[in-house]
């Protein structure tokens, strides 16, 4: 059940550009700034900027910017924005997402240089003390801080334990960004079905391929099916209440296909 969305296409096409640009650094106790000047030659080539700690990258494609500008990448200690870290709009899960690592700010100083017609590419690597074992995915997403609403908002993100990073696209010329992790894996929610290989298999937004799960009807615990995860999905940013997609063969063991959706509990089988 592979889904190639507009966002996914660009995430897989994430390209880092090299350029002969000498960044300038300015350090403070709680904030480190890396500044890069985009001249005409750099605008034509495109360029990738990196934060001072090496964990955040901003990819700017050729001719995304229109005129010369300075671009700042700031690495911020979380204490600078501590009062915002419990503010989320809208709420994403029943539990509070947890900040991982530093907060990053990028700023296209000459706002006339960017007309909003193209994307910027973002990648934030997991901090060293939050390395993932690869047993889970989809729990970590990039958020940006909406100063108007006074809350963190999620960006459609691709969490990849294999690269130990989260990637996203953004249209804004200025943003404060960070990785947040859903602190708990949702066990209860909706299950849908799809036509795939006619097997007891499923797509999960939380567990990697090869994981064995038991899916049980909430309204009838006597009805359950054991499935093997063989794909990723559904996208929780699109279907926040969906915890699993079952192959139609597995779904039919719980309820008729005509039901479309069913409330289930998903349990990891050791």
Foldseek 3Di string as FASTA:
>chain_A
DDDCDPFNVVVVVDDAFDDPWDWDWDDDPFKIKTKTKDAPVCLQRWHWDAEPVRFKIKTGHRNQFAHIFMKMKMWGACVVVVVAQQFAPPDQDPDRWAFFHTKMKMAGPPVNRHPLPDKMKMKGAGPPVDQDPQFWWLFKFKWWQDPVVSHIYTFQWGTDSVRRMIMGIDRDNITIMTITGDPDQDFKFKEFEDADPLDQAWAFQIGDFQWWKKKAAPVDRVQIGIYTYDHHDDRCVVVVRYGIYGYQNRVVSHPHNVVRMGIIGIGTDD
